[in-house]
Amino acid sequence: DLEALAGQGVLERYRGGARSLLLRGEEPPFALRAQEGVAAKRRI
């Protein structure tokens, strides 16, 4: 999961963990949001 999120620019991997590249109040990347709540978005 951390490798996938690093590929989307959400976080940076380091050995044993990850640090965030998003500030509080920033919008998550499009690629991550596009996977969320798809059924509800299609109903809307």
PDB file of all heavy atoms in Angstrom:
ATOM      1  N   ASP A   1       0.831  -1.210   0.000  1.00  0.00           N
ATOM      2  CA  ASP A   1       0.000   0.000   0.000  1.00  0.00           C
ATOM      3  C   ASP A   1       0.865   1.259   0.000  1.00  0.00           C
ATOM      4  O   ASP A   1       0.568   2.233  -0.707  1.00  0.00           O
ATOM      5  CB  ASP A   1      -0.913   0.013   1.236  1.00  0.00           C
ATOM      6  CG  ASP A   1      -2.026  -1.016   1.168  1.00  0.00           C
ATOM      7  OD1 ASP A   1      -2.292  -1.533   0.061  1.00  0.00           O
ATOM      8  OD2 ASP A   1      -2.623  -1.295   2.222  1.00  0.00           O
ATOM      9  N   LEU A   2       1.927   1.248   0.787  1.00  0.00           N
ATOM     10  CA  LEU A   2       2.800   2.423   0.851  1.00  0.00           C
ATOM     11  C   LEU A   2       3.497   2.671  -0.479  1.00  0.00           C
ATOM     12  O   LEU A   2       3.659   3.823  -0.890  1.00  0.00           O
ATOM     13  CB  LEU A   2       3.828   2.249   1.973  1.00  0.00           C
ATOM     14  CG  LEU A   2       3.282   2.238   3.403  1.00  0.00           C
ATOM     15  CD1 LEU A   2       4.409   2.033   4.400  1.00  0.00           C
ATOM     16  CD2 LEU A   2       2.498   3.506   3.723  1.00  0.00           C
ATOM     17  N   GLU A   3       3.882   1.600  -1.168  1.00  0.00           N
ATOM     18  CA  GLU A   3       4.483   1.765  -2.492  1.00  0.00           C
ATOM     19  C   GLU A   3       3.475   2.382  -3.460  1.00  0.00           C
ATOM     20  O   GLU A   3       3.819   3.257  -4.265  1.00  0.00           O
ATOM     21  CB  GLU A   3       4.976   0.412  -3.023  1.00  0.00           C
ATOM     22  CG  GLU A   3       6.181  -0.151  -2.287  1.00  0.00           C
ATOM     23  CD  GLU A   3       7.407   0.735  -2.393  1.00  0.00           C
ATOM     24  OE1 GLU A   3       7.538   1.483  -3.380  1.00  0.00           O
ATOM     25  OE2 GLU A   3       8.241   0.681  -1.464  1.00  0.00           O
ATOM     26  N   ALA A   4       2.210   1.919  -3.392  1.00  0.00           N
ATOM     27  CA  ALA A   4       1.173   2.464  -4.272  1.00  0.00           C
ATOM     28  C   ALA A   4       0.938   3.940  -3.981  1.00  0.00           C
ATOM     29  O   ALA A   4       0.823   4.768  -4.906  1.00  0.00           O
ATOM     30  CB  ALA A   4      -0.128   1.674  -4.109  1.00  0.00           C
ATOM     31  N   LEU A   5       0.876   4.308  -2.700  1.00  0.00           N
ATOM     32  CA  LEU A   5       0.640   5.705  -2.333  1.00  0.00           C
ATOM     33  C   LEU A   5       1.850   6.578  -2.668  1.00  0.00           C
ATOM     34  O   LEU A   5       1.686   7.740  -3.042  1.00  0.00           O
ATOM     35  CB  LEU A   5       0.304   5.799  -0.842  1.00  0.00           C
ATOM     36  CG  LEU A   5      -1.054   5.201  -0.451  1.00  0.00           C
ATOM     37  CD1 LEU A   5      -1.177   5.108   1.065  1.00  0.00           C
ATOM     38  CD2 LEU A   5      -2.201   6.016  -1.032  1.00  0.00           C
ATOM     39  N   ALA A   6       3.042   6.015  -2.546  1.00  0.00           N
ATOM     40  CA  ALA A   6       4.240   6.768  -2.951  1.00  0.00           C
ATOM     41  C   ALA A   6       4.197   7.059  -4.446  1.00  0.00           C
ATOM     42  O   ALA A   6       4.575   8.144  -4.897  1.00  0.00           O
ATOM     43  CB  ALA A   6       5.498   5.986  -2.581  1.00  0.00           C
ATOM     44  N   GLY A   7       3.706   6.099  -5.229  1.00  0.00           N
ATOM     45  CA  GLY A   7       3.594   6.293  -6.673  1.00  0.00           C
ATOM     46  C   GLY A   7       2.592   7.372  -7.046  1.00  0.00           C
ATOM     47  O   GLY A   7       2.686   7.980  -8.121  1.00  0.00           O
ATOM     48  N   GLN A   8       1.607   7.619  -6.160  1.00  0.00           N
ATOM     49  CA  GLN A   8       0.600   8.661  -6.399  1.00  0.00           C
ATOM     50  C   GLN A   8       1.024  10.006  -5.825  1.00  0.00           C
ATOM     51  O   GLN A   8       0.278  10.983  -5.921  1.00  0.00           O
ATOM     52  CB  GLN A   8      -0.741   8.236  -5.784  1.00  0.00           C
ATOM     53  CG  GLN A   8      -1.344   7.021  -6.447  1.00  0.00           C
ATOM     54  CD  GLN A   8      -2.583   6.518  -5.721  1.00  0.00           C
ATOM     55  OE1 GLN A   8      -3.103   7.181  -4.825  1.00  0.00           O
ATOM     56  NE2 GLN A   8      -3.059   5.353  -6.091  1.00  0.00           N
ATOM     57  N   GLY A   9       2.202  10.073  -5.229  1.00  0.00           N
ATOM     58  CA  GLY A   9       2.683  11.338  -4.681  1.00  0.00           C
ATOM     59  C   GLY A   9       2.091  11.714  -3.351  1.00  0.00           C
ATOM     60  O   GLY A   9       2.198  12.864  -2.916  1.00  0.00           O
ATOM     61  N   VAL A  10       1.466  10.748  -2.666  1.00  0.00           N
ATOM     62  CA  VAL A  10       0.819  11.026  -1.383  1.00  0.00           C
ATOM     63  C   VAL A  10       1.834  11.043  -0.254  1.00  0.00           C
ATOM     64  O   VAL A  10       1.725  11.829   0.689  1.00  0.00           O
ATOM     65  CB  VAL A  10      -0.272   9.966  -1.104  1.00  0.00           C
ATOM     66  CG1 VAL A  10      -0.875  10.154   0.280  1.00  0.00           C
ATOM     67  CG2 VAL A  10      -1.352  10.039  -2.169  1.00  0.00           C
ATOM     68  N   LEU A  11       2.817  10.137  -0.328  1.00  0.00           N
ATOM     69  CA  LEU A  11       3.789  10.014   0.752  1.00  0.00           C
ATOM     70  C   LEU A  11       5.151   9.595   0.204  1.00  0.00           C
ATOM     71  O   LEU A  11       5.285   9.247  -0.970  1.00  0.00           O
ATOM     72  CB  LEU A  11       3.304   9.036   1.825  1.00  0.00           C
ATOM     73  CG  LEU A  11       2.773   7.670   1.379  1.00  0.00           C
ATOM     74  CD1 LEU A  11       3.899   6.716   1.018  1.00  0.00           C
ATOM     75  CD2 LEU A  11       1.902   7.060   2.461  1.00  0.00           C
ATOM     76  N   GLU A  12       6.136   9.658   1.087  1.00  0.00           N
ATOM     77  CA  GLU A  12       7.499   9.255   0.732  1.00  0.00           C
ATOM     78  C   GLU A  12       7.893   8.073   1.612  1.00  0.00           C
ATOM     79  O   GLU A  12       7.739   8.117   2.840  1.00  0.00           O
ATOM     80  CB  GLU A  12       8.456  10.427   0.953  1.00  0.00           C
ATOM     81  CG  GLU A  12       9.897  10.116   0.612  1.00  0.00           C
ATOM     82  CD  GLU A  12      10.824  11.281   0.919  1.00  0.00           C
ATOM     83  OE1 GLU A  12      10.551  12.023   1.886  1.00  0.00           O
ATOM     84  OE2 GLU A  12      11.806  11.449   0.186  1.00  0.00           O
ATOM     85  N   ARG A  13       8.373   7.017   0.986  1.00  0.00           N
ATOM     86  CA  ARG A  13       8.780   5.817   1.721  1.00  0.00           C
ATOM     87  C   ARG A  13      10.161   6.014   2.336  1.00  0.00           C
ATOM     88  O   ARG A  13      11.024   6.678   1.778  1.00  0.00           O
ATOM     89  CB  ARG A  13       8.828   4.618   0.769  1.00  0.00           C
ATOM     90  CG  ARG A  13       7.478   4.145   0.296  1.00  0.00           C
ATOM     91  CD  ARG A  13       6.766   3.303   1.348  1.00  0.00           C
ATOM     92  NE  ARG A  13       7.260   1.928   1.381  1.00  0.00           N
ATOM     93  CZ  ARG A  13       7.860   1.353   2.415  1.00  0.00           C
ATOM     94  NH1 ARG A  13       8.090   2.039   3.510  1.00  0.00           N
ATOM     95  NH2 ARG A  13       8.250   0.094   2.367  1.00  0.00           N
ATOM     96  N   TYR A  14      10.351   5.449   3.503  1.00  0.00           N
ATOM     97  CA  TYR A  14      11.683   5.252   4.067  1.00  0.00           C
ATOM     98  C   TYR A  14      11.697   3.861   4.697  1.00  0.00           C
ATOM     99  O   TYR A  14      10.640   3.241   4.854  1.00  0.00           O
ATOM    100  CB  TYR A  14      12.050   6.340   5.077  1.00  0.00           C
ATOM    101  CG  TYR A  14      11.148   6.432   6.290  1.00  0.00           C
ATOM    102  CD1 TYR A  14      11.325   5.584   7.387  1.00  0.00           C
ATOM    103  CD2 TYR A  14      10.138   7.377   6.349  1.00  0.00           C
ATOM    104  CE1 TYR A  14      10.504   5.668   8.499  1.00  0.00           C
ATOM    105  CE2 TYR A  14       9.313   7.475   7.461  1.00  0.00           C
ATOM    106  CZ  TYR A  14       9.508   6.620   8.529  1.00  0.00           C
ATOM    107  OH  TYR A  14       8.701   6.692   9.624  1.00  0.00           O
ATOM    108  N   ARG A  15      12.837   3.359   5.017  1.00  0.00           N
ATOM    109  CA  ARG A  15      12.926   1.993   5.528  1.00  0.00           C
ATOM    110  C   ARG A  15      12.108   1.843   6.811  1.00  0.00           C
ATOM    111  O   ARG A  15      12.364   2.520   7.807  1.00  0.00           O
ATOM    112  CB  ARG A  15      14.383   1.613   5.789  1.00  0.00           C
ATOM    113  CG  ARG A  15      14.579   0.152   6.187  1.00  0.00           C
ATOM    114  CD  ARG A  15      16.067  -0.168   6.308  1.00  0.00           C
ATOM    115  NE  ARG A  15      16.271  -1.544   6.725  1.00  0.00           N
ATOM    116  CZ  ARG A  15      16.272  -2.585   5.895  1.00  0.00           C
ATOM    117  NH1 ARG A  15      16.073  -2.396   4.594  1.00  0.00           N
ATOM    118  NH2 ARG A  15      16.478  -3.818   6.339  1.00  0.00           N
ATOM    119  N   GLY A  16      11.089   1.004   6.746  1.00  0.00           N
ATOM    120  CA  GLY A  16      10.262   0.740   7.925  1.00  0.00           C
ATOM    121  C   GLY A  16       9.048   1.627   8.072  1.00  0.00           C
ATOM    122  O   GLY A  16       8.289   1.489   9.035  1.00  0.00           O
ATOM    123  N   GLY A  17       8.824   2.554   7.129  1.00  0.00           N
ATOM    124  CA  GLY A  17       7.655   3.415   7.278  1.00  0.00           C
ATOM    125  C   GLY A  17       7.516   4.406   6.148  1.00  0.00           C
ATOM    126  O   GLY A  17       8.058   4.214   5.051  1.00  0.00           O
ATOM    127  N   ALA A  18       6.787   5.498   6.405  1.00  0.00           N
ATOM    128  CA  ALA A  18       6.556   6.518   5.379  1.00  0.00           C
ATOM    129  C   ALA A  18       6.273   7.849   6.041  1.00  0.00           C
ATOM    130  O   ALA A  18       5.773   7.913   7.168  1.00  0.00           O
ATOM    131  CB  ALA A  18       5.382   6.114   4.488  1.00  0.00           C
ATOM    132  N   ARG A  19       6.593   8.916   5.329  1.00  0.00           N
ATOM    133  CA  ARG A  19       6.258  10.266   5.780  1.00  0.00           C
ATOM    134  C   ARG A  19       5.319  10.901   4.764  1.00  0.00           C
ATOM    135  O   ARG A  19       5.412  10.641   3.562  1.00  0.00           O
ATOM    136  CB  ARG A  19       7.512  11.130   5.962  1.00  0.00           C
ATOM    137  CG  ARG A  19       8.317  11.351   4.716  1.00  0.00           C
ATOM    138  CD  ARG A  19       9.520  12.251   4.988  1.00  0.00           C
ATOM    139  NE  ARG A  19      10.426  11.672   5.955  1.00  0.00           N
ATOM    140  CZ  ARG A  19      11.394  10.799   5.652  1.00  0.00           C
ATOM    141  NH1 ARG A  19      11.562  10.418   4.377  1.00  0.00           N
ATOM    142  NH2 ARG A  19      12.178  10.324   6.576  1.00  0.00           N
ATOM    143  N   SER A  20       4.422  11.737   5.239  1.00  0.00           N
ATOM    144  CA  SER A  20       3.414  12.336   4.372  1.00  0.00           C
ATOM    145  C   SER A  20       4.007  13.439   3.509  1.00  0.00           C
ATOM    146  O   SER A  20       4.884  14.188   3.955  1.00  0.00           O
ATOM    147  CB  SER A  20       2.270  12.916   5.208  1.00  0.00           C
ATOM    148  OG  SER A  20       1.286  13.503   4.368  1.00  0.00           O
ATOM    149  N   LEU A  21       3.522  13.536   2.282  1.00  0.00           N
ATOM    150  CA  LEU A  21       3.843  14.659   1.403  1.00  0.00           C
ATOM    151  C   LEU A  21       2.666  15.618   1.270  1.00  0.00           C
ATOM    152  O   LEU A  21       2.718  16.580   0.518  1.00  0.00           O
ATOM    153  CB  LEU A  21       4.259  14.146   0.016  1.00  0.00           C
ATOM    154  CG  LEU A  21       5.546  13.321  -0.025  1.00  0.00           C
ATOM    155  CD1 LEU A  21       5.801  12.811  -1.436  1.00  0.00           C
ATOM    156  CD2 LEU A  21       6.732  14.127   0.475  1.00  0.00           C
ATOM    157  N   LEU A  22       1.574  15.314   1.998  1.00  0.00           N
ATOM    158  CA  LEU A  22       0.387  16.160   1.967  1.00  0.00           C
ATOM    159  C   LEU A  22       0.315  16.979   3.244  1.00  0.00           C
ATOM    160  O   LEU A  22       0.506  16.454   4.339  1.00  0.00           O
ATOM    161  CB  LEU A  22      -0.889  15.318   1.853  1.00  0.00           C
ATOM    162  CG  LEU A  22      -1.062  14.469   0.599  1.00  0.00           C
ATOM    163  CD1 LEU A  22      -2.316  13.622   0.731  1.00  0.00           C
ATOM    164  CD2 LEU A  22      -1.141  15.353  -0.632  1.00  0.00           C
ATOM    165  N   LEU A  23       0.032  18.243   3.105  1.00  0.00           N
ATOM    166  CA  LEU A  23      -0.209  19.089   4.264  1.00  0.00           C
ATOM    167  C   LEU A  23      -1.649  18.944   4.711  1.00  0.00           C
ATOM    168  O   LEU A  23      -2.528  18.581   3.939  1.00  0.00           O
ATOM    169  CB  LEU A  23       0.071  20.556   3.919  1.00  0.00           C
ATOM    170  CG  LEU A  23       1.491  20.875   3.440  1.00  0.00           C
ATOM    171  CD1 LEU A  23       1.553  22.340   3.008  1.00  0.00           C
ATOM    172  CD2 LEU A  23       2.511  20.567   4.514  1.00  0.00           C
ATOM    173  N   ARG A  24      -1.903  19.208   5.978  1.00  0.00           N
ATOM    174  CA  ARG A  24      -3.299  19.238   6.435  1.00  0.00           C
ATOM    175  C   ARG A  24      -4.060  20.260   5.612  1.00  0.00           C
ATOM    176  O   ARG A  24      -3.598  21.364   5.382  1.00  0.00           O
ATOM    177  CB  ARG A  24      -3.371  19.615   7.912  1.00  0.00           C
ATOM    178  CG  ARG A  24      -2.906  18.510   8.864  1.00  0.00           C
ATOM    179  CD  ARG A  24      -3.142  18.918  10.303  1.00  0.00           C
ATOM    180  NE  ARG A  24      -2.715  17.881  11.227  1.00  0.00           N
ATOM    181  CZ  ARG A  24      -1.495  17.769  11.720  1.00  0.00           C
ATOM    182  NH1 ARG A  24      -0.581  18.650  11.358  1.00  0.00           N
ATOM    183  NH2 ARG A  24      -1.178  16.806  12.554  1.00  0.00           N
ATOM    184  N   GLY A  25      -5.270  19.901   5.200  1.00  0.00           N
ATOM    185  CA  GLY A  25      -6.080  20.808   4.393  1.00  0.00           C
ATOM    186  C   GLY A  25      -5.848  20.680   2.913  1.00  0.00           C
ATOM    187  O   GLY A  25      -6.528  21.330   2.127  1.00  0.00           O
ATOM    188  N   GLU A  26      -4.865  19.852   2.493  1.00  0.00           N
ATOM    189  CA  GLU A  26      -4.664  19.626   1.074  1.00  0.00           C
ATOM    190  C   GLU A  26      -5.591  18.525   0.581  1.00  0.00           C
ATOM    191  O   GLU A  26      -5.948  17.606   1.316  1.00  0.00           O
ATOM    192  CB  GLU A  26      -3.217  19.203   0.790  1.00  0.00           C
ATOM    193  CG  GLU A  26      -2.252  20.344   0.675  1.00  0.00           C
ATOM    194  CD  GLU A  26      -0.909  19.874   0.139  1.00  0.00           C
ATOM    195  OE1 GLU A  26      -0.532  18.724   0.360  1.00  0.00           O
ATOM    196  OE2 GLU A  26      -0.250  20.699  -0.510  1.00  0.00           O
ATOM    197  N   GLU A  27      -5.938  18.610  -0.687  1.00  0.00           N
ATOM    198  CA  GLU A  27      -6.801  17.619  -1.302  1.00  0.00           C
ATOM    199  C   GLU A  27      -5.988  16.381  -1.676  1.00  0.00           C
ATOM    200  O   GLU A  27      -4.903  16.499  -2.246  1.00  0.00           O
ATOM    201  CB  GLU A  27      -7.436  18.211  -2.560  1.00  0.00           C
ATOM    202  CG  GLU A  27      -8.485  17.348  -3.195  1.00  0.00           C
ATOM    203  CD  GLU A  27      -9.179  18.073  -4.337  1.00  0.00           C
ATOM    204  OE1 GLU A  27      -8.542  18.920  -4.984  1.00  0.00           O
ATOM    205  OE2 GLU A  27     -10.351  17.797  -4.551  1.00  0.00           O
ATOM    206  N   PRO A  28      -6.490  15.154  -1.383  1.00  0.00           N
ATOM    207  CA  PRO A  28      -5.794  13.944  -1.822  1.00  0.00           C
ATOM    208  C   PRO A  28      -5.721  13.893  -3.349  1.00  0.00           C
ATOM    209  O   PRO A  28      -6.550  14.487  -4.045  1.00  0.00           O
ATOM    210  CB  PRO A  28      -6.670  12.813  -1.280  1.00  0.00           C
ATOM    211  CG  PRO A  28      -7.437  13.423  -0.157  1.00  0.00           C
ATOM    212  CD  PRO A  28      -7.665  14.853  -0.561  1.00  0.00           C
ATOM    213  N   PRO A  29      -4.738  13.187  -3.915  1.00  0.00           N
ATOM    214  CA  PRO A  29      -4.573  13.144  -5.362  1.00  0.00           C
ATOM    215  C   PRO A  29      -5.783  12.563  -6.089  1.00  0.00           C
ATOM    216  O   PRO A  29      -6.528  11.739  -5.549  1.00  0.00           O
ATOM    217  CB  PRO A  29      -3.356  12.231  -5.544  1.00  0.00           C
ATOM    218  CG  PRO A  29      -2.617  12.311  -4.256  1.00  0.00           C
ATOM    219  CD  PRO A  29      -3.667  12.478  -3.197  1.00  0.00           C
ATOM    220  N   PHE A  30      -5.951  12.995  -7.338  1.00  0.00           N
ATOM    221  CA  PHE A  30      -7.073  12.563  -8.171  1.00  0.00           C
ATOM    222  C   PHE A  30      -7.128  11.039  -8.269  1.00  0.00           C
ATOM    223  O   PHE A  30      -8.200  10.445  -8.164  1.00  0.00           O
ATOM    224  CB  PHE A  30      -6.928  13.175  -9.566  1.00  0.00           C
ATOM    225  CG  PHE A  30      -8.070  12.891 -10.495  1.00  0.00           C
ATOM    226  CD1 PHE A  30      -9.137  13.769 -10.584  1.00  0.00           C
ATOM    227  CD2 PHE A  30      -8.086  11.750 -11.287  1.00  0.00           C
ATOM    228  CE1 PHE A  30     -10.193  13.514 -11.440  1.00  0.00           C
ATOM    229  CE2 PHE A  30      -9.129  11.481 -12.137  1.00  0.00           C
ATOM    230  CZ  PHE A  30     -10.194  12.370 -12.219  1.00  0.00           C
ATOM    231  N   ALA A  31      -5.972  10.401  -8.471  1.00  0.00           N
ATOM    232  CA  ALA A  31      -5.949   8.949  -8.667  1.00  0.00           C
ATOM    233  C   ALA A  31      -6.496   8.212  -7.453  1.00  0.00           C
ATOM    234  O   ALA A  31      -7.162   7.177  -7.600  1.00  0.00           O
ATOM    235  CB  ALA A  31      -4.527   8.484  -8.969  1.00  0.00           C
ATOM    236  N   LEU A  32      -6.246   8.722  -6.262  1.00  0.00           N
ATOM    237  CA  LEU A  32      -6.771   8.098  -5.051  1.00  0.00           C
ATOM    238  C   LEU A  32      -8.268   8.359  -4.917  1.00  0.00           C
ATOM    239  O   LEU A  32      -9.053   7.450  -4.626  1.00  0.00           O
ATOM    240  CB  LEU A  32      -6.013   8.634  -3.828  1.00  0.00           C
ATOM    241  CG  LEU A  32      -6.393   8.045  -2.466  1.00  0.00           C
ATOM    242  CD1 LEU A  32      -6.152   6.541  -2.447  1.00  0.00           C
ATOM    243  CD2 LEU A  32      -5.601   8.727  -1.353  1.00  0.00           C
ATOM    244  N   ARG A  33      -8.692   9.604  -5.142  1.00  0.00           N
ATOM    245  CA  ARG A  33     -10.113   9.932  -5.015  1.00  0.00           C
ATOM    246  C   ARG A  33     -10.968   9.218  -6.056  1.00  0.00           C
ATOM    247  O   ARG A  33     -12.127   8.896  -5.806  1.00  0.00           O
ATOM    248  CB  ARG A  33     -10.311  11.447  -5.141  1.00  0.00           C
ATOM    249  CG  ARG A  33      -9.791  12.214  -3.942  1.00  0.00           C
ATOM    250  CD  ARG A  33     -10.073  13.702  -4.041  1.00  0.00           C
ATOM    251  NE  ARG A  33      -9.224  14.355  -5.013  1.00  0.00           N
ATOM    252  CZ  ARG A  33      -9.644  14.918  -6.132  1.00  0.00           C
ATOM    253  NH1 ARG A  33     -10.927  14.890  -6.453  1.00  0.00           N
ATOM    254  NH2 ARG A  33      -8.794  15.505  -6.940  1.00  0.00           N
ATOM    255  N   ALA A  34     -10.389   8.972  -7.242  1.00  0.00           N
ATOM    256  CA  ALA A  34     -11.153   8.317  -8.308  1.00  0.00           C
ATOM    257  C   ALA A  34     -11.552   6.898  -7.944  1.00  0.00           C
ATOM    258  O   ALA A  34     -12.505   6.350  -8.517  1.00  0.00           O
ATOM    259  CB  ALA A  34     -10.342   8.313  -9.599  1.00  0.00           C
ATOM    260  N   GLN A  35     -10.861   6.292  -6.979  1.00  0.00           N
ATOM    261  CA  GLN A  35     -11.167   4.923  -6.570  1.00  0.00           C
ATOM    262  C   GLN A  35     -12.202   4.862  -5.461  1.00  0.00           C
ATOM    263  O   GLN A  35     -12.676   3.784  -5.110  1.00  0.00           O
ATOM    264  CB  GLN A  35      -9.879   4.229  -6.099  1.00  0.00           C
ATOM    265  CG  GLN A  35      -8.794   4.149  -7.156  1.00  0.00           C
ATOM    266  CD  GLN A  35      -7.472   3.666  -6.582  1.00  0.00           C
ATOM    267  OE1 GLN A  35      -7.380   3.298  -5.412  1.00  0.00           O
ATOM    268  NE2 GLN A  35      -6.440   3.661  -7.412  1.00  0.00           N
ATOM    269  N   GLU A  36     -12.550   5.994  -4.897  1.00  0.00           N
ATOM    270  CA  GLU A  36     -13.406   6.021  -3.713  1.00  0.00           C
ATOM    271  C   GLU A  36     -14.871   6.260  -4.079  1.00  0.00           C
ATOM    272  O   GLU A  36     -15.182   7.112  -4.914  1.00  0.00           O
ATOM    273  CB  GLU A  36     -12.952   7.133  -2.763  1.00  0.00           C
ATOM    274  CG  GLU A  36     -11.545   6.949  -2.256  1.00  0.00           C
ATOM    275  CD  GLU A  36     -11.103   8.127  -1.410  1.00  0.00           C
ATOM    276  OE1 GLU A  36     -11.710   9.201  -1.517  1.00  0.00           O
ATOM    277  OE2 GLU A  36     -10.152   7.946  -0.646  1.00  0.00           O
ATOM    278  N   GLY A  37     -15.760   5.530  -3.418  1.00  0.00           N
ATOM    279  CA  GLY A  37     -17.190   5.788  -3.532  1.00  0.00           C
ATOM    280  C   GLY A  37     -17.712   5.783  -4.946  1.00  0.00           C
ATOM    281  O   GLY A  37     -18.610   6.566  -5.284  1.00  0.00           O
ATOM    282  N   VAL A  38     -17.200   4.889  -5.776  1.00  0.00           N
ATOM    283  CA  VAL A  38     -17.557   4.903  -7.195  1.00  0.00           C
ATOM    284  C   VAL A  38     -19.056   4.665  -7.393  1.00  0.00           C
ATOM    285  O   VAL A  38     -19.703   5.333  -8.212  1.00  0.00           O
ATOM    286  CB  VAL A  38     -16.725   3.856  -7.976  1.00  0.00           C
ATOM    287  CG1 VAL A  38     -17.200   3.762  -9.423  1.00  0.00           C
ATOM    288  CG2 VAL A  38     -15.244   4.226  -7.925  1.00  0.00           C
ATOM    289  N   ALA A  39     -19.628   3.728  -6.652  1.00  0.00           N
ATOM    290  CA  ALA A  39     -21.061   3.431  -6.818  1.00  0.00           C
ATOM    291  C   ALA A  39     -21.913   4.655  -6.499  1.00  0.00           C
ATOM    292  O   ALA A  39     -22.858   4.982  -7.223  1.00  0.00           O
ATOM    293  CB  ALA A  39     -21.461   2.246  -5.939  1.00  0.00           C
ATOM    294  N   ALA A  40     -21.576   5.365  -5.406  1.00  0.00           N
ATOM    295  CA  ALA A  40     -22.331   6.565  -5.037  1.00  0.00           C
ATOM    296  C   ALA A  40     -22.160   7.658  -6.085  1.00  0.00           C
ATOM    297  O   ALA A  40     -23.129   8.345  -6.444  1.00  0.00           O
ATOM    298  CB  ALA A  40     -21.875   7.072  -3.671  1.00  0.00           C
ATOM    299  N   LYS A  41     -20.946   7.822  -6.597  1.00  0.00           N
ATOM    300  CA  LYS A  41     -20.712   8.835  -7.627  1.00  0.00           C
ATOM    301  C   LYS A  41     -21.509   8.542  -8.890  1.00  0.00           C
ATOM    302  O   LYS A  41     -22.036   9.457  -9.535  1.00  0.00           O
ATOM    303  CB  LYS A  41     -19.218   8.926  -7.943  1.00  0.00           C
ATOM    304  CG  LYS A  41     -18.389   9.515  -6.809  1.00  0.00           C
ATOM    305  CD  LYS A  41     -16.903   9.430  -7.100  1.00  0.00           C
ATOM    306  CE  LYS A  41     -16.085   9.937  -5.923  1.00  0.00           C
ATOM    307  NZ  LYS A  41     -14.644   9.790  -6.125  1.00  0.00           N
ATOM    308  N   ARG A  42     -21.621   7.273  -9.237  1.00  0.00           N
ATOM    309  CA  ARG A  42     -22.393   6.913 -10.434  1.00  0.00           C
ATOM    310  C   ARG A  42     -23.884   7.143 -10.218  1.00  0.00           C
ATOM    311  O   ARG A  42     -24.585   7.549 -11.150  1.00  0.00           O
ATOM    312  CB  ARG A  42     -22.097   5.467 -10.817  1.00  0.00           C
ATOM    313  CG  ARG A  42     -20.703   5.307 -11.414  1.00  0.00           C
ATOM    314  CD  ARG A  42     -20.348   3.876 -11.715  1.00  0.00           C
ATOM    315  NE  ARG A  42     -19.014   3.806 -12.305  1.00  0.00           N
ATOM    316  CZ  ARG A  42     -18.317   2.687 -12.450  1.00  0.00           C
ATOM    317  NH1 ARG A  42     -18.831   1.520 -12.057  1.00  0.00           N
ATOM    318  NH2 ARG A  42     -17.118   2.723 -12.994  1.00  0.00           N
ATOM    319  N   ARG A  43     -24.387   6.899  -9.015  1.00  0.00           N
ATOM    320  CA  ARG A  43     -25.797   7.195  -8.730  1.00  0.00           C
ATOM    321  C   ARG A  43     -26.042   8.707  -8.821  1.00  0.00           C
ATOM    322  O   ARG A  43     -27.055   9.147  -9.375  1.00  0.00           O
ATOM    323  CB  ARG A  43     -26.190   6.682  -7.345  1.00  0.00           C
ATOM    324  CG  ARG A  43     -26.252   5.175  -7.212  1.00  0.00           C
ATOM    325  CD  ARG A  43     -27.022   4.751  -5.975  1.00  0.00           C
ATOM    326  NE  ARG A  43     -26.513   5.335  -4.741  1.00  0.00           N
ATOM    327  CZ  ARG A  43     -25.538   4.809  -4.010  1.00  0.00           C
ATOM    328  NH1 ARG A  43     -24.951   3.682  -4.412  1.00  0.00           N
ATOM    329  NH2 ARG A  43     -25.153   5.394  -2.887  1.00  0.00           N
ATOM    330  N   ILE A  44     -25.123   9.474  -8.264  1.00  0.00           N
ATOM    331  CA  ILE A  44     -25.241  10.932  -8.340  1.00  0.00           C
ATOM    332  C   ILE A  44     -25.229  11.384  -9.790  1.00  0.00           C
ATOM    333  O   ILE A  44     -26.053  12.212 -10.212  1.00  0.00           O
ATOM    334  CB  ILE A  44     -24.108  11.598  -7.538  1.00  0.00           C
ATOM    335  CG1 ILE A  44     -24.306  11.380  -6.032  1.00  0.00           C
ATOM    336  CG2 ILE A  44     -24.024  13.096  -7.845  1.00  0.00           C
ATOM    337  CD1 ILE A  44     -23.112  11.787  -5.181  1.00  0.00           C
TER     338      ILE A  44
END
